[in-house]
Amino acid sequence: MSSTGSAGATPTLTDGRVLLRALREDDATSLAEQFADPESRRWTTTSDPFDTEFGARSYLRRVERDTARAEGPRHWAVEWRDGDATRFGGYVDLHPHDHTSAGIDFGLHPASRGRHVMSAAVRLVCRWWFDQGGQHVTWFAEAGNLASWQVVRACGFRFGQVVTMYLPPPTGPVEGWVATVGRDDDLAHPAEESEPEAVLAARHHDSPLPAIA
């Protein structure tokens, strides 16, 4: 993995195939496509109808504000190599709680599903955080979001109890999944432990699980 950057800036991270860089104004079109995707919208708290172009611009403004803070949240655009082409793969956000603990969330562009792009991106961000002295990274998602679960499971996150998450109206409080990975955990392999009940039920009924993103 290689990286560049300074305090207050978004470092560039890469594993040779997947590259994380600062978000740019010209990412707005790709972000709007992603926000308009029905599967992506299913697991967000946006109102309906939702102006995806406005949402993309608003997200970029928030990224700009956060990046101006030396210890604020960090946001990356995900790119990946597809033969000779470079594809936009989505975004990853890291939210430091203090100098040791941070939260992570991410969104995958629908054209990049099933190619292990986001799991590679999450590993890059976690390793960067641990290199800065961080100890833990925590993920939250609404219970049932199997695609997101597949990503963090592939990265060695360990799952805790189902929790009640407060999400803004019109969604309201929902059940959520929480998982954490530590600096000494193996990011390259899934953790060996029990799975969320919804995942176990899907396996029991032979329901297909989403491809690891």
N, C-alpha and C. Protein backbone atom coordinates (compact mmCIF):
# COMPACT_ATOMS: atom_id res chain seq x y z
N MET A 1 0.84 -1.19 0.00
CA MET A 1 0.00 0.00 0.00
C MET A 1 0.87 1.23 0.00
N SER A 2 0.50 2.23 -0.78
CA SER A 2 1.21 3.49 -0.77
C SER A 2 0.24 4.60 -0.45
N SER A 3 0.75 5.71 0.07
CA SER A 3 -0.10 6.83 0.42
C SER A 3 0.67 8.11 0.30
N THR A 4 -0.03 9.20 0.06
CA THR A 4 0.54 10.53 0.08
C THR A 4 -0.45 11.45 0.75
N GLY A 5 0.03 12.56 1.28
CA GLY A 5 -0.88 13.51 1.90
C GLY A 5 -0.29 14.10 3.15
N SER A 6 -0.93 15.13 3.70
CA SER A 6 -0.48 15.80 4.90
C SER A 6 -1.66 16.03 5.81
N ALA A 7 -1.38 16.48 7.04
CA ALA A 7 -2.45 16.72 8.00
C ALA A 7 -3.46 17.71 7.42
N GLY A 8 -4.74 17.39 7.56
CA GLY A 8 -5.79 18.24 7.04
C GLY A 8 -6.15 17.95 5.61
N ALA A 9 -5.37 17.15 4.91
CA ALA A 9 -5.65 16.80 3.53
C ALA A 9 -6.07 15.34 3.45
N THR A 10 -6.70 14.97 2.36
CA THR A 10 -7.09 13.59 2.15
C THR A 10 -5.93 12.83 1.51
N PRO A 11 -5.36 11.85 2.19
CA PRO A 11 -4.23 11.11 1.61
C PRO A 11 -4.70 10.21 0.48
N THR A 12 -3.86 10.02 -0.50
CA THR A 12 -4.12 9.07 -1.57
C THR A 12 -3.62 7.70 -1.14
N LEU A 13 -4.49 6.69 -1.24
CA LEU A 13 -4.16 5.33 -0.82
C LEU A 13 -4.38 4.39 -2.00
N THR A 14 -3.51 3.40 -2.16
CA THR A 14 -3.72 2.45 -3.24
C THR A 14 -3.10 1.10 -2.91
N ASP A 15 -3.70 0.05 -3.44
CA ASP A 15 -3.12 -1.29 -3.35
C ASP A 15 -2.65 -1.77 -4.72
N GLY A 16 -2.64 -0.87 -5.70
CA GLY A 16 -2.22 -1.21 -7.05
C GLY A 16 -3.38 -1.37 -8.01
N ARG A 17 -4.53 -1.79 -7.53
CA ARG A 17 -5.73 -1.94 -8.35
C ARG A 17 -6.80 -0.94 -7.96
N VAL A 18 -7.03 -0.81 -6.66
CA VAL A 18 -7.99 0.14 -6.13
C VAL A 18 -7.24 1.35 -5.61
N LEU A 19 -7.74 2.54 -5.94
CA LEU A 19 -7.11 3.78 -5.50
C LEU A 19 -8.14 4.66 -4.83
N LEU A 20 -7.77 5.21 -3.67
CA LEU A 20 -8.61 6.16 -2.96
C LEU A 20 -7.98 7.55 -3.06
N ARG A 21 -8.77 8.51 -3.43
CA ARG A 21 -8.28 9.88 -3.61
C ARG A 21 -9.31 10.86 -3.07
N ALA A 22 -8.93 12.13 -3.03
CA ALA A 22 -9.88 13.16 -2.61
C ALA A 22 -11.02 13.27 -3.61
N LEU A 23 -12.20 13.53 -3.11
CA LEU A 23 -13.35 13.75 -3.99
C LEU A 23 -13.21 15.09 -4.70
N ARG A 24 -13.76 15.16 -5.92
CA ARG A 24 -13.66 16.36 -6.74
C ARG A 24 -15.05 16.77 -7.23
N GLU A 25 -15.14 18.00 -7.72
CA GLU A 25 -16.41 18.49 -8.26
C GLU A 25 -16.90 17.62 -9.41
N ASP A 26 -15.96 17.11 -10.22
CA ASP A 26 -16.39 16.32 -11.37
C ASP A 26 -16.84 14.91 -11.00
N ASP A 27 -16.85 14.58 -9.70
CA ASP A 27 -17.43 13.32 -9.24
C ASP A 27 -18.95 13.43 -9.06
N ALA A 28 -19.49 14.64 -9.19
CA ALA A 28 -20.91 14.85 -8.88
C ALA A 28 -21.82 13.98 -9.74
N THR A 29 -21.50 13.83 -11.02
CA THR A 29 -22.36 13.03 -11.90
C THR A 29 -22.37 11.57 -11.48
N SER A 30 -21.20 11.01 -11.19
CA SER A 30 -21.13 9.61 -10.75
C SER A 30 -21.81 9.42 -9.41
N LEU A 31 -21.65 10.38 -8.50
CA LEU A 31 -22.32 10.28 -7.21
C LEU A 31 -23.84 10.33 -7.37
N ALA A 32 -24.33 11.20 -8.26
CA ALA A 32 -25.77 11.28 -8.49
C ALA A 32 -26.31 9.96 -9.05
N GLU A 33 -25.54 9.32 -9.94
CA GLU A 33 -25.93 8.00 -10.45
C GLU A 33 -26.04 7.00 -9.31
N GLN A 34 -25.06 7.04 -8.42
CA GLN A 34 -25.04 6.11 -7.29
C GLN A 34 -26.22 6.38 -6.36
N PHE A 35 -26.49 7.65 -6.06
CA PHE A 35 -27.58 7.99 -5.15
C PHE A 35 -28.95 7.65 -5.75
N ALA A 36 -29.03 7.60 -7.07
CA ALA A 36 -30.30 7.28 -7.73
C ALA A 36 -30.57 5.79 -7.79
N ASP A 37 -29.58 4.97 -7.54
CA ASP A 37 -29.72 3.53 -7.63
C ASP A 37 -30.69 3.02 -6.55
N PRO A 38 -31.71 2.25 -6.91
CA PRO A 38 -32.71 1.80 -5.93
C PRO A 38 -32.11 1.01 -4.77
N GLU A 39 -31.14 0.15 -5.03
CA GLU A 39 -30.54 -0.64 -3.96
C GLU A 39 -29.76 0.24 -3.00
N SER A 40 -29.09 1.27 -3.54
CA SER A 40 -28.37 2.19 -2.67
C SER A 40 -29.35 3.00 -1.81
N ARG A 41 -30.43 3.45 -2.40
CA ARG A 41 -31.40 4.27 -1.68
C ARG A 41 -32.14 3.47 -0.61
N ARG A 42 -32.26 2.17 -0.81
CA ARG A 42 -32.96 1.33 0.16
C ARG A 42 -32.34 1.46 1.54
N TRP A 43 -31.03 1.67 1.62
CA TRP A 43 -30.34 1.65 2.90
C TRP A 43 -29.83 3.02 3.32
N THR A 44 -30.43 4.08 2.78
CA THR A 44 -30.09 5.43 3.21
C THR A 44 -31.33 6.07 3.82
N THR A 45 -31.15 7.27 4.38
CA THR A 45 -32.24 7.94 5.09
C THR A 45 -32.80 9.11 4.28
N THR A 46 -32.60 9.10 2.97
CA THR A 46 -33.09 10.20 2.14
C THR A 46 -34.60 10.17 2.02
N SER A 47 -35.17 11.34 1.82
CA SER A 47 -36.62 11.42 1.62
C SER A 47 -36.95 11.00 0.20
N ASP A 48 -38.22 10.76 -0.06
CA ASP A 48 -38.68 10.35 -1.38
C ASP A 48 -39.82 11.27 -1.81
N PRO A 49 -39.73 12.01 -2.93
CA PRO A 49 -38.66 11.90 -3.92
C PRO A 49 -37.36 12.59 -3.47
N PHE A 50 -36.24 12.18 -4.04
CA PHE A 50 -34.93 12.69 -3.66
C PHE A 50 -34.23 13.24 -4.89
N ASP A 51 -33.77 14.49 -4.80
CA ASP A 51 -33.04 15.12 -5.90
C ASP A 51 -31.60 14.64 -5.83
N THR A 52 -31.25 13.68 -6.67
CA THR A 52 -29.93 13.06 -6.56
C THR A 52 -28.81 14.03 -6.92
N GLU A 53 -29.05 14.92 -7.88
CA GLU A 53 -28.00 15.89 -8.22
C GLU A 53 -27.76 16.85 -7.06
N PHE A 54 -28.83 17.32 -6.43
CA PHE A 54 -28.68 18.18 -5.25
C PHE A 54 -27.99 17.41 -4.13
N GLY A 55 -28.36 16.14 -3.94
CA GLY A 55 -27.73 15.33 -2.91
C GLY A 55 -26.24 15.18 -3.13
N ALA A 56 -25.84 14.97 -4.38
CA ALA A 56 -24.42 14.83 -4.69
C ALA A 56 -23.66 16.12 -4.40
N ARG A 57 -24.24 17.26 -4.78
CA ARG A 57 -23.59 18.54 -4.52
C ARG A 57 -23.50 18.82 -3.02
N SER A 58 -24.56 18.49 -2.29
CA SER A 58 -24.56 18.70 -0.84
C SER A 58 -23.49 17.85 -0.17
N TYR A 59 -23.37 16.60 -0.63
CA TYR A 59 -22.35 15.72 -0.08
C TYR A 59 -20.95 16.29 -0.33
N LEU A 60 -20.71 16.80 -1.53
CA LEU A 60 -19.40 17.37 -1.85
C LEU A 60 -19.12 18.61 -1.01
N ARG A 61 -20.15 19.41 -0.69
CA ARG A 61 -19.94 20.59 0.17
C ARG A 61 -19.56 20.14 1.58
N ARG A 62 -20.21 19.09 2.06
CA ARG A 62 -19.87 18.59 3.40
C ARG A 62 -18.45 18.05 3.42
N VAL A 63 -18.06 17.35 2.37
CA VAL A 63 -16.69 16.84 2.26
C VAL A 63 -15.70 17.99 2.31
N GLU A 64 -15.99 19.07 1.60
CA GLU A 64 -15.10 20.23 1.58
C GLU A 64 -14.94 20.82 2.98
N ARG A 65 -16.04 20.94 3.72
CA ARG A 65 -15.96 21.47 5.08
C ARG A 65 -15.17 20.55 5.99
N ASP A 66 -15.44 19.25 5.91
CA ASP A 66 -14.75 18.31 6.78
C ASP A 66 -13.25 18.27 6.51
N THR A 67 -12.88 18.31 5.24
CA THR A 67 -11.48 18.21 4.88
C THR A 67 -10.68 19.41 5.35
N ALA A 68 -11.34 20.54 5.56
CA ALA A 68 -10.65 21.74 6.04
C ALA A 68 -10.25 21.62 7.51
N ARG A 69 -10.78 20.63 8.20
CA ARG A 69 -10.45 20.42 9.62
C ARG A 69 -9.38 19.35 9.73
N ALA A 70 -8.28 19.69 10.41
CA ALA A 70 -7.13 18.77 10.48
C ALA A 70 -7.50 17.43 11.09
N GLU A 71 -8.40 17.41 12.07
CA GLU A 71 -8.77 16.16 12.74
C GLU A 71 -10.22 15.80 12.48
N GLY A 72 -10.80 16.33 11.42
CA GLY A 72 -12.19 16.05 11.10
C GLY A 72 -12.34 14.76 10.32
N PRO A 73 -13.57 14.43 9.91
CA PRO A 73 -13.82 13.25 9.08
C PRO A 73 -13.03 13.30 7.78
N ARG A 74 -12.73 12.13 7.27
CA ARG A 74 -12.02 12.02 6.00
C ARG A 74 -12.92 11.28 5.01
N HIS A 75 -12.90 11.76 3.77
CA HIS A 75 -13.75 11.21 2.72
C HIS A 75 -12.90 10.90 1.50
N TRP A 76 -13.11 9.72 0.95
CA TRP A 76 -12.36 9.30 -0.23
C TRP A 76 -13.31 8.93 -1.37
N ALA A 77 -12.91 9.26 -2.58
CA ALA A 77 -13.51 8.67 -3.77
C ALA A 77 -12.77 7.37 -4.06
N VAL A 78 -13.50 6.37 -4.51
CA VAL A 78 -12.92 5.06 -4.83
C VAL A 78 -12.82 4.94 -6.34
N GLU A 79 -11.62 4.62 -6.83
CA GLU A 79 -11.40 4.30 -8.24
C GLU A 79 -10.80 2.91 -8.34
N TRP A 80 -11.04 2.25 -9.47
CA TRP A 80 -10.44 0.94 -9.66
C TRP A 80 -10.14 0.72 -11.13
N ARG A 81 -9.14 -0.12 -11.37
CA ARG A 81 -8.71 -0.43 -12.72
C ARG A 81 -9.53 -1.57 -13.29
N ASP A 82 -10.13 -1.33 -14.45
CA ASP A 82 -10.91 -2.32 -15.18
C ASP A 82 -10.26 -2.46 -16.56
N GLY A 83 -9.25 -3.36 -16.64
CA GLY A 83 -8.46 -3.43 -17.87
C GLY A 83 -7.66 -2.16 -18.04
N ASP A 84 -7.87 -1.47 -19.15
CA ASP A 84 -7.17 -0.21 -19.39
C ASP A 84 -7.96 1.00 -18.91
N ALA A 85 -9.16 0.77 -18.41
CA ALA A 85 -10.04 1.87 -17.99
C ALA A 85 -9.98 2.08 -16.48
N THR A 86 -10.24 3.30 -16.06
CA THR A 86 -10.37 3.63 -14.64
C THR A 86 -11.83 3.92 -14.35
N ARG A 87 -12.41 3.21 -13.37
CA ARG A 87 -13.83 3.34 -13.05
C ARG A 87 -14.03 4.02 -11.70
N PHE A 88 -15.11 4.78 -11.59
CA PHE A 88 -15.51 5.34 -10.31
C PHE A 88 -16.26 4.27 -9.53
N GLY A 89 -15.81 3.99 -8.31
CA GLY A 89 -16.39 2.89 -7.55
C GLY A 89 -17.24 3.29 -6.36
N GLY A 90 -17.30 4.60 -6.03
CA GLY A 90 -18.09 5.01 -4.88
C GLY A 90 -17.28 5.87 -3.93
N TYR A 91 -17.61 5.79 -2.64
CA TYR A 91 -16.92 6.61 -1.64
C TYR A 91 -16.76 5.82 -0.35
N VAL A 92 -15.80 6.26 0.47
CA VAL A 92 -15.60 5.75 1.83
C VAL A 92 -15.42 6.95 2.75
N ASP A 93 -16.13 6.95 3.89
CA ASP A 93 -16.01 8.01 4.88
C ASP A 93 -15.47 7.42 6.18
N LEU A 94 -14.53 8.13 6.80
CA LEU A 94 -14.00 7.73 8.11
C LEU A 94 -14.26 8.87 9.08
N HIS A 95 -14.86 8.54 10.23
CA HIS A 95 -15.25 9.55 11.21
C HIS A 95 -14.52 9.29 12.53
N PRO A 96 -13.38 9.96 12.78
CA PRO A 96 -12.67 9.75 14.04
C PRO A 96 -13.51 10.22 15.24
N HIS A 97 -13.57 9.38 16.27
CA HIS A 97 -14.23 9.76 17.51
C HIS A 97 -13.22 10.38 18.47
N ASP A 98 -12.02 9.87 18.43
CA ASP A 98 -10.88 10.38 19.20
C ASP A 98 -9.64 9.91 18.46
N HIS A 99 -8.50 9.84 19.15
CA HIS A 99 -7.27 9.45 18.46
C HIS A 99 -7.13 7.93 18.29
N THR A 100 -8.05 7.17 18.87
CA THR A 100 -7.93 5.71 18.80
C THR A 100 -9.10 5.04 18.07
N SER A 101 -10.27 5.65 18.10
CA SER A 101 -11.47 5.00 17.59
C SER A 101 -12.11 5.83 16.49
N ALA A 102 -12.62 5.16 15.46
CA ALA A 102 -13.27 5.85 14.34
C ALA A 102 -14.40 4.99 13.80
N GLY A 103 -15.37 5.63 13.20
CA GLY A 103 -16.45 4.94 12.51
C GLY A 103 -16.22 4.98 11.01
N ILE A 104 -16.77 4.01 10.30
CA ILE A 104 -16.61 3.96 8.85
C ILE A 104 -17.96 3.73 8.18
N ASP A 105 -18.17 4.40 7.06
CA ASP A 105 -19.32 4.08 6.21
C ASP A 105 -18.89 4.23 4.76
N PHE A 106 -19.66 3.65 3.87
CA PHE A 106 -19.25 3.61 2.47
C PHE A 106 -20.45 3.40 1.58
N GLY A 107 -20.29 3.75 0.32
CA GLY A 107 -21.32 3.53 -0.68
C GLY A 107 -20.68 3.09 -1.98
N LEU A 108 -21.24 2.08 -2.59
CA LEU A 108 -20.66 1.49 -3.80
C LEU A 108 -21.48 1.87 -5.02
N HIS A 109 -20.81 2.34 -6.06
CA HIS A 109 -21.50 2.63 -7.32
C HIS A 109 -22.02 1.31 -7.90
N PRO A 110 -23.26 1.28 -8.40
CA PRO A 110 -23.84 -0.01 -8.85
C PRO A 110 -23.03 -0.69 -9.95
N ALA A 111 -22.31 0.05 -10.76
CA ALA A 111 -21.52 -0.57 -11.84
C ALA A 111 -20.28 -1.29 -11.32
N SER A 112 -19.99 -1.13 -10.02
CA SER A 112 -18.77 -1.73 -9.46
C SER A 112 -19.06 -2.90 -8.53
N ARG A 113 -20.30 -3.34 -8.47
CA ARG A 113 -20.65 -4.43 -7.55
C ARG A 113 -20.04 -5.75 -7.99
N GLY A 114 -19.76 -6.58 -6.98
CA GLY A 114 -19.30 -7.94 -7.24
C GLY A 114 -17.86 -8.04 -7.70
N ARG A 115 -17.07 -6.98 -7.53
CA ARG A 115 -15.68 -6.98 -8.01
C ARG A 115 -14.68 -6.80 -6.87
N HIS A 116 -15.14 -6.92 -5.64
CA HIS A 116 -14.28 -6.80 -4.45
C HIS A 116 -13.62 -5.43 -4.34
N VAL A 117 -14.25 -4.43 -4.93
CA VAL A 117 -13.69 -3.08 -4.90
C VAL A 117 -13.82 -2.47 -3.51
N MET A 118 -15.02 -2.56 -2.92
CA MET A 118 -15.22 -1.88 -1.64
C MET A 118 -14.50 -2.57 -0.50
N SER A 119 -14.41 -3.88 -0.51
CA SER A 119 -13.65 -4.54 0.55
C SER A 119 -12.19 -4.11 0.50
N ALA A 120 -11.62 -3.95 -0.70
CA ALA A 120 -10.25 -3.46 -0.83
C ALA A 120 -10.14 -2.03 -0.32
N ALA A 121 -11.14 -1.21 -0.61
CA ALA A 121 -11.13 0.19 -0.17
C ALA A 121 -11.20 0.28 1.35
N VAL A 122 -12.06 -0.53 1.97
CA VAL A 122 -12.19 -0.51 3.43
C VAL A 122 -10.87 -0.93 4.08
N ARG A 123 -10.22 -1.93 3.53
CA ARG A 123 -8.92 -2.35 4.08
C ARG A 123 -7.91 -1.21 4.02
N LEU A 124 -7.88 -0.49 2.90
CA LEU A 124 -6.93 0.62 2.75
C LEU A 124 -7.19 1.69 3.81
N VAL A 125 -8.45 2.04 4.03
CA VAL A 125 -8.77 3.06 5.01
C VAL A 125 -8.43 2.60 6.43
N CYS A 126 -8.77 1.36 6.76
CA CYS A 126 -8.47 0.85 8.10
C CYS A 126 -6.96 0.82 8.35
N ARG A 127 -6.21 0.37 7.37
CA ARG A 127 -4.76 0.32 7.55
C ARG A 127 -4.18 1.72 7.71
N TRP A 128 -4.70 2.66 6.96
CA TRP A 128 -4.25 4.05 7.12
C TRP A 128 -4.53 4.54 8.53
N TRP A 129 -5.74 4.28 9.03
CA TRP A 129 -6.11 4.72 10.38
C TRP A 129 -5.19 4.09 11.43
N PHE A 130 -4.91 2.81 11.27
CA PHE A 130 -4.04 2.15 12.23
C PHE A 130 -2.61 2.71 12.14
N ASP A 131 -2.18 3.08 10.95
CA ASP A 131 -0.85 3.69 10.80
C ASP A 131 -0.77 5.04 11.50
N GLN A 132 -1.93 5.71 11.66
CA GLN A 132 -1.94 7.00 12.36
C GLN A 132 -2.01 6.83 13.88
N GLY A 133 -2.03 5.58 14.35
CA GLY A 133 -2.12 5.32 15.78
C GLY A 133 -3.49 4.86 16.23
N GLY A 134 -4.45 4.77 15.31
CA GLY A 134 -5.78 4.30 15.66
C GLY A 134 -5.77 2.85 16.13
N GLN A 135 -6.76 2.51 16.95
CA GLN A 135 -6.84 1.17 17.51
C GLN A 135 -8.05 0.38 17.01
N HIS A 136 -9.15 1.07 16.70
CA HIS A 136 -10.38 0.39 16.31
C HIS A 136 -11.11 1.16 15.23
N VAL A 137 -11.85 0.43 14.40
CA VAL A 137 -12.77 1.02 13.43
C VAL A 137 -14.11 0.29 13.59
N THR A 138 -15.19 1.05 13.67
CA THR A 138 -16.52 0.49 13.91
C THR A 138 -17.46 0.82 12.76
N TRP A 139 -18.28 -0.15 12.41
CA TRP A 139 -19.26 -0.02 11.33
C TRP A 139 -20.65 -0.21 11.89
N PHE A 140 -21.59 0.62 11.45
CA PHE A 140 -23.01 0.46 11.77
C PHE A 140 -23.79 0.40 10.47
N ALA A 141 -24.85 -0.39 10.44
CA ALA A 141 -25.74 -0.41 9.29
C ALA A 141 -27.11 -0.90 9.76
N GLU A 142 -28.13 -0.52 9.02
CA GLU A 142 -29.46 -1.03 9.34
C GLU A 142 -29.47 -2.54 9.18
N ALA A 143 -30.08 -3.23 10.13
CA ALA A 143 -30.16 -4.68 10.08
C ALA A 143 -30.80 -5.11 8.76
N GLY A 144 -30.17 -6.08 8.10
CA GLY A 144 -30.66 -6.56 6.82
C GLY A 144 -29.84 -6.09 5.64
N ASN A 145 -28.93 -5.14 5.86
CA ASN A 145 -28.11 -4.64 4.77
C ASN A 145 -26.98 -5.63 4.51
N LEU A 146 -27.32 -6.70 3.79
CA LEU A 146 -26.38 -7.80 3.60
C LEU A 146 -25.18 -7.41 2.73
N ALA A 147 -25.40 -6.53 1.76
CA ALA A 147 -24.28 -6.15 0.90
C ALA A 147 -23.20 -5.44 1.71
N SER A 148 -23.60 -4.54 2.59
CA SER A 148 -22.64 -3.85 3.44
C SER A 148 -22.00 -4.83 4.43
N TRP A 149 -22.82 -5.73 4.97
CA TRP A 149 -22.31 -6.76 5.88
C TRP A 149 -21.24 -7.61 5.22
N GLN A 150 -21.45 -7.98 3.95
CA GLN A 150 -20.47 -8.80 3.25
C GLN A 150 -19.11 -8.11 3.16
N VAL A 151 -19.14 -6.78 2.97
CA VAL A 151 -17.89 -6.04 2.87
C VAL A 151 -17.10 -6.11 4.16
N VAL A 152 -17.73 -5.73 5.29
CA VAL A 152 -16.97 -5.68 6.53
C VAL A 152 -16.62 -7.08 7.03
N ARG A 153 -17.47 -8.05 6.77
CA ARG A 153 -17.12 -9.42 7.15
C ARG A 153 -15.86 -9.87 6.42
N ALA A 154 -15.76 -9.54 5.13
CA ALA A 154 -14.57 -9.91 4.35
C ALA A 154 -13.32 -9.26 4.90
N CYS A 155 -13.48 -8.14 5.63
CA CYS A 155 -12.34 -7.39 6.16
C CYS A 155 -12.04 -7.75 7.62
N GLY A 156 -12.65 -8.80 8.14
CA GLY A 156 -12.30 -9.27 9.47
C GLY A 156 -13.02 -8.58 10.61
N PHE A 157 -14.05 -7.77 10.34
CA PHE A 157 -14.79 -7.12 11.41
C PHE A 157 -15.51 -8.17 12.25
N ARG A 158 -15.57 -7.93 13.57
CA ARG A 158 -16.24 -8.83 14.50
C ARG A 158 -17.57 -8.21 14.92
N PHE A 159 -18.62 -9.03 14.91
CA PHE A 159 -19.96 -8.51 15.14
C PHE A 159 -20.37 -8.56 16.60
N GLY A 160 -21.09 -7.51 17.03
CA GLY A 160 -21.64 -7.45 18.37
C GLY A 160 -23.13 -7.72 18.35
N GLN A 161 -23.81 -7.28 19.40
CA GLN A 161 -25.25 -7.49 19.52
C GLN A 161 -26.00 -6.53 18.59
N VAL A 162 -27.22 -6.93 18.20
CA VAL A 162 -28.09 -6.03 17.46
C VAL A 162 -28.41 -4.84 18.35
N VAL A 163 -28.36 -3.63 17.79
CA VAL A 163 -28.59 -2.42 18.56
C VAL A 163 -29.76 -1.65 17.94
N THR A 164 -30.31 -0.70 18.69
CA THR A 164 -31.31 0.21 18.15
C THR A 164 -30.60 1.45 17.63
N MET A 165 -30.75 1.72 16.34
CA MET A 165 -30.13 2.88 15.73
C MET A 165 -31.18 3.96 15.56
N TYR A 166 -30.82 5.21 15.87
CA TYR A 166 -31.75 6.30 15.59
C TYR A 166 -31.40 6.89 14.23
N LEU A 167 -32.35 6.84 13.32
CA LEU A 167 -32.19 7.45 12.01
C LEU A 167 -33.22 8.56 11.86
N PRO A 168 -32.88 9.63 11.14
CA PRO A 168 -33.81 10.76 11.01
C PRO A 168 -35.12 10.35 10.35
N PRO A 169 -36.20 11.11 10.59
CA PRO A 169 -37.47 10.85 9.91
C PRO A 169 -37.26 10.89 8.40
N PRO A 170 -38.04 10.14 7.60
CA PRO A 170 -39.22 9.39 8.02
C PRO A 170 -38.92 7.98 8.51
N THR A 171 -37.65 7.59 8.57
CA THR A 171 -37.33 6.21 8.93
C THR A 171 -37.58 5.94 10.39
N GLY A 172 -37.06 6.78 11.28
CA GLY A 172 -37.22 6.56 12.70
C GLY A 172 -36.29 5.46 13.21
N PRO A 173 -36.38 5.11 14.50
CA PRO A 173 -35.50 4.09 15.07
C PRO A 173 -35.67 2.74 14.38
N VAL A 174 -34.56 2.07 14.09
CA VAL A 174 -34.57 0.76 13.47
C VAL A 174 -33.54 -0.12 14.15
N GLU A 175 -33.63 -1.42 13.92
CA GLU A 175 -32.58 -2.31 14.41
C GLU A 175 -31.34 -2.15 13.53
N GLY A 176 -30.19 -2.24 14.17
CA GLY A 176 -28.96 -2.08 13.43
C GLY A 176 -27.92 -3.13 13.77
N TRP A 177 -27.02 -3.35 12.86
CA TRP A 177 -25.87 -4.22 13.09
C TRP A 177 -24.65 -3.37 13.38
N VAL A 178 -23.79 -3.86 14.25
CA VAL A 178 -22.55 -3.16 14.59
C VAL A 178 -21.41 -4.17 14.56
N ALA A 179 -20.27 -3.77 14.05
CA ALA A 179 -19.10 -4.63 13.99
C ALA A 179 -17.84 -3.77 14.12
N THR A 180 -16.78 -4.35 14.65
CA THR A 180 -15.55 -3.62 14.92
C THR A 180 -14.34 -4.44 14.49
N VAL A 181 -13.32 -3.76 13.99
CA VAL A 181 -12.05 -4.40 13.70
C VAL A 181 -10.95 -3.62 14.42
N GLY A 182 -9.96 -4.34 14.95
CA GLY A 182 -8.86 -3.72 15.68
C GLY A 182 -7.56 -3.79 14.89
N ARG A 183 -6.59 -3.02 15.32
CA ARG A 183 -5.33 -2.92 14.58
C ARG A 183 -4.59 -4.25 14.53
N ASP A 184 -4.84 -5.15 15.48
CA ASP A 184 -4.16 -6.45 15.48
C ASP A 184 -4.98 -7.55 14.78
N ASP A 185 -6.14 -7.21 14.29
CA ASP A 185 -6.97 -8.20 13.59
C ASP A 185 -6.49 -8.39 12.16
N ASP A 186 -6.89 -9.50 11.56
CA ASP A 186 -6.49 -9.84 10.20
C ASP A 186 -7.51 -9.26 9.23
N LEU A 187 -7.14 -8.18 8.55
CA LEU A 187 -8.04 -7.53 7.60
C LEU A 187 -8.24 -8.34 6.32
N ALA A 188 -7.39 -9.32 6.10
CA ALA A 188 -7.44 -10.06 4.83
C ALA A 188 -8.40 -11.23 4.85
N HIS A 189 -8.91 -11.61 6.04
CA HIS A 189 -9.77 -12.79 6.13
C HIS A 189 -10.95 -12.53 7.05
N PRO A 190 -12.10 -13.15 6.79
CA PRO A 190 -13.27 -12.98 7.66
C PRO A 190 -13.00 -13.49 9.07
N ALA A 191 -13.57 -12.81 10.05
CA ALA A 191 -13.47 -13.28 11.43
C ALA A 191 -14.29 -14.55 11.60
N GLU A 192 -13.79 -15.47 12.40
CA GLU A 192 -14.48 -16.74 12.62
C GLU A 192 -15.36 -16.61 13.86
N GLU A 193 -16.63 -16.28 13.64
CA GLU A 193 -17.57 -16.16 14.75
C GLU A 193 -18.98 -16.15 14.21
N SER A 194 -19.95 -16.04 15.09
CA SER A 194 -21.35 -16.12 14.68
C SER A 194 -21.71 -14.95 13.77
N GLU A 195 -22.77 -15.16 12.98
CA GLU A 195 -23.22 -14.17 12.03
C GLU A 195 -24.55 -13.57 12.47
N PRO A 196 -24.90 -12.39 11.97
CA PRO A 196 -26.22 -11.82 12.31
C PRO A 196 -27.34 -12.80 11.98
N GLU A 197 -28.42 -12.76 12.77
CA GLU A 197 -29.51 -13.72 12.61
C GLU A 197 -30.11 -13.70 11.21
N ALA A 198 -30.21 -12.54 10.60
CA ALA A 198 -30.80 -12.46 9.26
C ALA A 198 -29.94 -13.19 8.24
N VAL A 199 -28.63 -13.18 8.46
CA VAL A 199 -27.73 -13.89 7.55
C VAL A 199 -27.89 -15.40 7.74
N LEU A 200 -27.98 -15.82 8.98
CA LEU A 200 -28.17 -17.24 9.25
C LEU A 200 -29.49 -17.72 8.65
N ALA A 201 -30.54 -16.90 8.75
CA ALA A 201 -31.83 -17.27 8.19
C ALA A 201 -31.76 -17.39 6.68
N ALA A 202 -31.03 -16.49 6.04
CA ALA A 202 -30.90 -16.53 4.59
C ALA A 202 -30.18 -17.81 4.16
N ARG A 203 -29.15 -18.18 4.90
CA ARG A 203 -28.43 -19.41 4.56
C ARG A 203 -29.32 -20.63 4.77
N HIS A 204 -30.13 -20.60 5.84
CA HIS A 204 -30.99 -21.73 6.16
C HIS A 204 -32.02 -21.96 5.05
N HIS A 205 -32.50 -20.87 4.48
CA HIS A 205 -33.53 -20.98 3.44
C HIS A 205 -32.93 -20.96 2.03
N ASP A 206 -31.62 -21.11 1.94
CA ASP A 206 -30.92 -21.13 0.66
C ASP A 206 -31.18 -19.86 -0.17
N SER A 207 -31.37 -18.74 0.54
CA SER A 207 -31.53 -17.48 -0.18
C SER A 207 -30.18 -16.98 -0.62
N PRO A 208 -30.08 -16.42 -1.83
CA PRO A 208 -28.78 -15.94 -2.29
C PRO A 208 -28.33 -14.71 -1.53
N LEU A 209 -27.06 -14.66 -1.16
CA LEU A 209 -26.48 -13.50 -0.54
C LEU A 209 -25.82 -12.64 -1.62
N PRO A 210 -25.76 -11.33 -1.40
CA PRO A 210 -25.12 -10.47 -2.41
C PRO A 210 -23.65 -10.83 -2.59
N ALA A 211 -23.16 -10.61 -3.80
CA ALA A 211 -21.71 -10.80 -4.04
C ALA A 211 -20.95 -9.79 -3.21
N ILE A 212 -19.79 -10.21 -2.67
CA ILE A 212 -18.98 -9.29 -1.89
C ILE A 212 -18.61 -8.11 -2.76
N ALA A 213 -18.87 -6.90 -2.24
CA ALA A 213 -18.71 -5.69 -3.06
C ALA A 213 -17.26 -5.28 -3.11
